[in-house]
């Protein structure tokens, strides 16, 4: 599902109602055709989807491999006529389960930040995440804050914003058990080698869209799905963010060229 946002006030534009009278009251994901009609702005993720993501592809291949293996075991080693379709269905279940858990964790943190009840299954994750915010002196002025930037040409929803210190926090859920751990010194904490640069274009775009500058504190906090309570905070350097902004900038130019749509120049059709 593509994520789009309309302006004045900034509002998510994720779905549109079916025009078919038989499906009245039902909704479908918004497409770029829908976005063009109302001048909606793409999310940074939508923009970055224009280029290949090797890390995401590798993860999907892992899921497909697991699904195929489980299907073969379930069929008693006999890959019958329906083996492929069965494994593909299982693959969709596995990827959907991971995505759903990530959404549940995001929702639980959001509820906790607002002081609302949350799923007790995620108590350890909530404690680790909120304790970290306190340790870093981050006081949210925005939680799941929706914004639109006409200048940058994007819209988005940001997990945590601290306007007073120009800080953005983007929660990411991952599995950590299979991540390489390096211990350069027994006294120091283990170092998790999971600092992907491919996250910096999104944070750079958020920063330019919200603050109009890259001179900000931009964090990814990687939250473990399989080791409850384990988080891996990453504050990106100015050089990493500058690199990310350049990648986003060039990706945006490619996106507008490929899609034939630049919302920065959009005018209401007559």
Protein backbone atom coordinates (compact mmCIF):
# COMPACT_ATOMS: atom_id res chain seq x y z
CA UNK A 1 0.00 0.00 0.00
CA UNK A 2 1.39 3.37 -0.99
CA UNK A 3 1.48 6.10 1.63
CA UNK A 4 0.35 9.54 0.53
CA UNK A 5 -0.50 12.74 2.37
CA UNK A 6 -2.67 15.73 1.57
CA UNK A 7 -2.01 19.24 2.83
CA UNK A 8 -3.90 21.90 4.78
CA UNK A 9 -4.01 20.30 7.27
CA UNK A 10 -1.52 17.44 6.77
CA UNK A 11 -3.63 14.30 6.55
CA UNK A 12 -2.87 10.67 5.61
CA UNK A 13 -4.30 9.69 2.23
CA UNK A 14 -3.91 5.93 2.35
CA UNK A 15 -7.26 4.74 1.00
CA UNK A 16 -10.08 5.80 -1.30
CA UNK A 17 -13.64 4.55 -1.46
CA UNK A 18 -14.67 2.31 -4.34
CA UNK A 19 -16.75 4.08 -6.97
CA UNK A 20 -18.69 0.89 -7.67
CA UNK A 21 -22.08 1.24 -5.98
CA UNK A 22 -21.99 -2.46 -5.11
CA UNK A 23 -18.91 -1.80 -2.97
CA UNK A 24 -20.13 1.40 -1.35
CA UNK A 25 -18.51 1.88 2.02
CA UNK A 26 -15.51 -0.28 1.06
CA UNK A 27 -12.03 1.12 0.53
CA UNK A 28 -8.95 0.25 -1.50
CA UNK A 29 -5.32 1.43 -1.27
CA UNK A 30 -4.70 4.84 -2.87
CA UNK A 31 -2.71 4.76 -6.11
CA UNK A 32 -0.62 7.43 -7.80
CA UNK A 33 -3.60 8.10 -10.06
CA UNK A 34 -5.64 8.96 -6.97
CA UNK A 35 -2.78 11.06 -5.62
CA UNK A 36 -2.55 13.09 -8.82
CA UNK A 37 -6.24 13.96 -8.61
CA UNK A 38 -5.89 15.59 -5.20
CA UNK A 39 -2.25 16.69 -5.29
CA UNK A 40 -1.17 14.28 -2.57
CA UNK A 41 2.47 14.08 -1.52
CA UNK A 42 4.39 10.80 -1.42
CA UNK A 43 6.03 9.49 1.73
CA UNK A 44 9.84 9.14 1.70
CA UNK A 45 9.34 5.37 1.65
CA UNK A 46 7.18 5.69 -1.46
CA UNK A 47 9.89 7.73 -3.14
CA UNK A 48 12.73 5.39 -2.16
CA UNK A 49 10.75 2.47 -3.55
CA UNK A 50 11.89 3.63 -6.98
CA UNK A 51 15.31 2.05 -6.43
CA UNK A 52 16.38 -1.47 -5.54
CA UNK A 53 16.72 -2.48 -1.86
CA UNK A 54 19.17 -5.39 -1.64
CA UNK A 55 18.65 -5.80 2.11
CA UNK A 56 14.89 -6.09 1.75
CA UNK A 57 15.27 -8.51 -1.16
CA UNK A 58 17.65 -10.67 0.88
CA UNK A 59 15.15 -10.80 3.74
CA UNK A 60 12.34 -11.78 1.37
CA UNK A 61 14.51 -14.53 -0.11
CA UNK A 62 15.15 -15.81 3.41
CA UNK A 63 11.42 -15.90 4.09
CA UNK A 64 10.76 -17.70 0.79
CA UNK A 65 13.48 -20.21 1.57
CA UNK A 66 12.01 -20.89 5.01
CA UNK A 67 8.53 -21.24 3.52
CA UNK A 68 9.75 -23.70 0.87
CA UNK A 69 11.59 -25.79 3.47
CA UNK A 70 8.58 -25.93 5.79
CA UNK A 71 6.35 -26.87 2.86
CA UNK A 72 8.63 -29.71 1.81
CA UNK A 73 8.71 -31.03 5.40
CA UNK A 74 4.93 -30.72 5.60
CA UNK A 75 4.56 -32.69 2.38
CA UNK A 76 6.81 -35.46 3.69
CA UNK A 77 9.59 -34.56 1.28
CA UNK A 78 7.34 -34.94 -1.74
CA UNK A 79 7.12 -31.67 -3.69
CA UNK A 80 3.77 -32.24 -5.34
CA UNK A 81 1.99 -30.23 -8.04
CA UNK A 82 0.87 -27.65 -5.49
CA UNK A 83 4.20 -27.33 -3.68
CA UNK A 84 5.01 -23.93 -5.15
CA UNK A 85 1.60 -22.40 -4.46
CA UNK A 86 1.62 -23.79 -0.92
CA UNK A 87 5.06 -22.43 -0.18
CA UNK A 88 4.12 -19.03 -1.63
CA UNK A 89 1.05 -18.86 0.60
CA UNK A 90 3.22 -19.69 3.61
CA UNK A 91 5.74 -17.05 2.52
CA UNK A 92 2.99 -14.41 2.54
CA UNK A 93 1.94 -15.55 6.01
CA UNK A 94 5.51 -15.29 7.33
CA UNK A 95 6.17 -11.81 5.91
CA UNK A 96 2.74 -10.61 7.01
CA UNK A 97 3.35 -11.90 10.53
CA UNK A 98 6.63 -9.99 10.80
CA UNK A 99 5.02 -6.81 9.48
CA UNK A 100 2.06 -7.16 11.82
CA UNK A 101 4.31 -7.63 14.83
CA UNK A 102 6.24 -4.51 13.87
CA UNK A 103 2.98 -2.57 13.70
CA UNK A 104 1.88 -3.94 17.08
CA UNK A 105 5.17 -2.85 18.68
CA UNK A 106 4.89 0.64 17.16
CA UNK A 107 1.31 0.91 18.43
CA UNK A 108 2.29 -0.25 21.92
CA UNK A 109 5.05 2.37 22.17
CA UNK A 110 2.68 5.06 20.91
CA UNK A 111 0.06 4.12 23.52
CA UNK A 112 2.69 4.08 26.27
CA UNK A 113 3.99 7.53 25.31
CA UNK A 114 0.45 8.88 25.53
CA UNK A 115 -0.03 7.16 28.88
CA UNK A 116 -2.65 4.82 27.48
CA UNK A 117 -2.97 1.06 28.12
CA UNK A 118 -0.85 -1.15 25.87
CA UNK A 119 -0.44 -4.85 25.14
CA UNK A 120 1.40 -6.34 28.14
CA UNK A 121 3.21 -8.71 25.79
CA UNK A 122 5.46 -5.78 24.92
CA UNK A 123 6.18 -4.54 28.46
CA UNK A 124 9.94 -5.21 28.22
CA UNK A 125 10.14 -3.43 24.88
CA UNK A 126 8.20 -0.45 26.22
CA UNK A 127 10.43 -0.15 29.29
CA UNK A 128 13.64 -0.32 27.25
CA UNK A 129 12.39 2.22 24.69
CA UNK A 130 11.03 4.74 27.19
CA UNK A 131 14.06 4.42 29.47
CA UNK A 132 16.27 5.15 26.48
CA UNK A 133 14.30 8.31 25.62
CA UNK A 134 14.77 9.53 29.19
CA UNK A 135 18.50 8.71 29.16
CA UNK A 136 18.95 10.72 25.97
CA UNK A 137 16.89 13.63 27.29
CA UNK A 138 14.39 13.33 24.43
CA UNK A 139 11.03 14.89 25.33
CA UNK A 140 8.50 14.18 22.57
CA UNK A 141 6.63 17.21 21.26
CA UNK A 142 5.19 15.02 18.53
CA UNK A 143 4.17 11.35 18.57
CA UNK A 144 3.32 9.77 15.22
CA UNK A 145 3.42 13.34 13.93
CA UNK A 146 1.99 13.85 10.44
CA UNK A 147 3.56 16.54 8.27
CA UNK A 148 3.64 17.77 4.70
CA UNK A 149 6.45 19.79 3.13
CA UNK A 150 5.59 21.52 -0.12
CA UNK A 151 9.22 22.54 -0.62
CA UNK A 152 10.63 19.02 -0.27
CA UNK A 153 7.57 17.52 -1.94
CA UNK A 154 6.80 14.86 0.63
CA UNK A 155 4.49 13.96 3.47
CA UNK A 156 5.02 11.55 6.28
CA UNK A 157 4.37 10.29 9.77
CA UNK A 158 7.28 10.40 12.23
CA UNK A 159 7.42 8.17 15.30
CA UNK A 160 8.91 10.68 17.75
CA UNK A 161 9.77 14.36 17.28
CA UNK A 162 11.40 16.72 19.77
CA UNK A 163 11.11 20.19 18.26
CA UNK A 164 13.08 21.77 21.10
CA UNK A 165 16.27 19.83 20.31
CA UNK A 166 15.58 19.12 16.61
CA UNK A 167 15.49 15.40 17.25
CA UNK A 168 13.77 12.65 15.27
CA UNK A 169 13.45 9.04 16.40
CA UNK A 170 12.38 6.31 13.98
CA UNK A 171 11.62 2.93 15.56
CA UNK A 172 12.57 -0.12 13.46
CA UNK A 173 11.79 -3.72 14.43
CA UNK A 174 14.27 -6.44 13.50
CA UNK A 175 15.40 -9.92 14.51
CA UNK A 176 18.67 -9.75 16.45
CA UNK A 177 19.51 -13.38 17.20
CA UNK A 178 21.07 -13.84 13.75
CA UNK A 179 22.98 -10.54 13.77
CA UNK A 180 26.77 -10.53 14.05
CA UNK A 181 28.00 -9.28 17.42
CA UNK A 182 31.47 -7.88 17.90
CA UNK A 183 33.04 -7.57 21.36
CA UNK A 184 36.21 -5.48 20.95
CA UNK A 185 36.64 -5.25 24.72
CA UNK A 186 35.13 -7.62 27.31
CA UNK A 187 34.39 -4.68 29.62
CA UNK A 188 32.44 -2.77 26.98
CA UNK A 189 28.95 -3.58 25.77
CA UNK A 190 28.62 -5.79 22.67
CA UNK A 191 28.43 -3.92 19.38
CA UNK A 192 25.67 -5.04 17.04
CA UNK A 193 26.68 -4.72 13.41
CA UNK A 194 23.35 -3.44 12.19
CA UNK A 195 23.83 0.15 11.11
CA UNK A 196 22.47 0.20 7.54
CA UNK A 197 23.02 3.40 5.59
CA UNK A 198 19.87 2.73 3.58
CA UNK A 199 17.82 4.19 6.47
CA UNK A 200 19.51 7.60 6.27
CA UNK A 201 17.62 8.86 3.18
CA UNK A 202 14.33 8.56 5.07
CA UNK A 203 15.61 10.35 8.17
CA UNK A 204 17.24 13.07 6.07
CA UNK A 205 13.97 13.62 4.21
CA UNK A 206 12.05 13.76 7.49
CA UNK A 207 14.52 16.31 8.85
CA UNK A 208 14.31 18.55 5.80
CA UNK A 209 10.53 18.20 5.73
CA UNK A 210 10.01 18.96 9.42
CA UNK A 211 12.89 21.25 10.31
CA UNK A 212 14.14 22.54 6.96
CA UNK A 213 17.69 21.50 7.87
CA UNK A 214 19.93 18.46 8.18
CA UNK A 215 21.52 19.90 11.32
CA UNK A 216 19.50 17.70 13.66
CA UNK A 217 19.81 14.61 15.83
CA UNK A 218 18.48 11.74 13.75
CA UNK A 219 18.06 8.35 15.40
CA UNK A 220 17.10 4.88 14.32
CA UNK A 221 16.26 2.66 17.27
CA UNK A 222 16.27 -0.96 16.19
CA UNK A 223 13.94 -2.96 18.43
CA UNK A 224 14.40 -6.72 18.66
CA UNK A 225 11.43 -8.91 17.81
CA UNK A 226 13.07 -12.09 19.11
CA UNK A 227 14.97 -10.78 22.17
CA UNK A 228 12.38 -8.78 24.16
CA UNK A 229 13.86 -5.67 25.77
CA UNK A 230 16.88 -5.47 23.49
CA UNK A 231 17.21 -2.22 21.54
CA UNK A 232 20.02 -0.93 19.33
CA UNK A 233 20.04 2.89 19.13
CA UNK A 234 21.93 4.50 16.26
CA UNK A 235 22.62 8.23 16.04
CA UNK A 236 23.80 9.02 12.52
CA UNK A 237 26.75 11.30 11.88
CA UNK A 238 26.43 14.50 9.82
CA UNK A 239 28.36 12.77 7.04
CA UNK A 240 25.97 9.81 7.00
CA UNK A 241 22.94 12.10 6.91
CA UNK A 242 24.44 14.21 4.12
CA UNK A 243 25.00 11.01 2.15
CA UNK A 244 21.40 9.98 2.82
CA UNK A 245 20.02 13.33 1.71
CA UNK A 246 21.89 13.18 -1.58
CA UNK A 247 20.54 9.68 -2.20
CA UNK A 248 17.01 10.82 -1.43
CA UNK A 249 17.38 13.95 -3.58
CA UNK A 250 18.48 12.00 -6.65
CA UNK A 251 15.88 9.28 -5.99
CA UNK A 252 13.17 11.95 -5.86
CA UNK A 253 14.25 13.31 -9.23
CA UNK A 254 14.09 9.79 -10.66
CA UNK A 255 10.71 9.19 -9.01
CA UNK A 256 9.12 12.31 -10.50
CA UNK A 257 10.56 11.45 -13.92
CA UNK A 258 9.36 7.84 -13.77
CA UNK A 259 5.91 8.68 -12.39
CA UNK A 260 5.34 11.79 -14.50
CA UNK A 261 4.24 13.65 -11.39
CA UNK A 262 5.87 16.33 -9.27
CA UNK A 263 3.58 17.48 -6.44
CA UNK A 264 5.75 20.54 -5.86
CA UNK A 265 4.46 21.93 -9.14
CA UNK A 266 0.92 20.59 -8.78
CA UNK A 267 -2.08 22.79 -9.51
CA UNK A 268 -5.75 21.92 -9.19
CA UNK A 269 -6.98 20.77 -12.63
CA UNK A 270 -9.61 23.01 -14.17
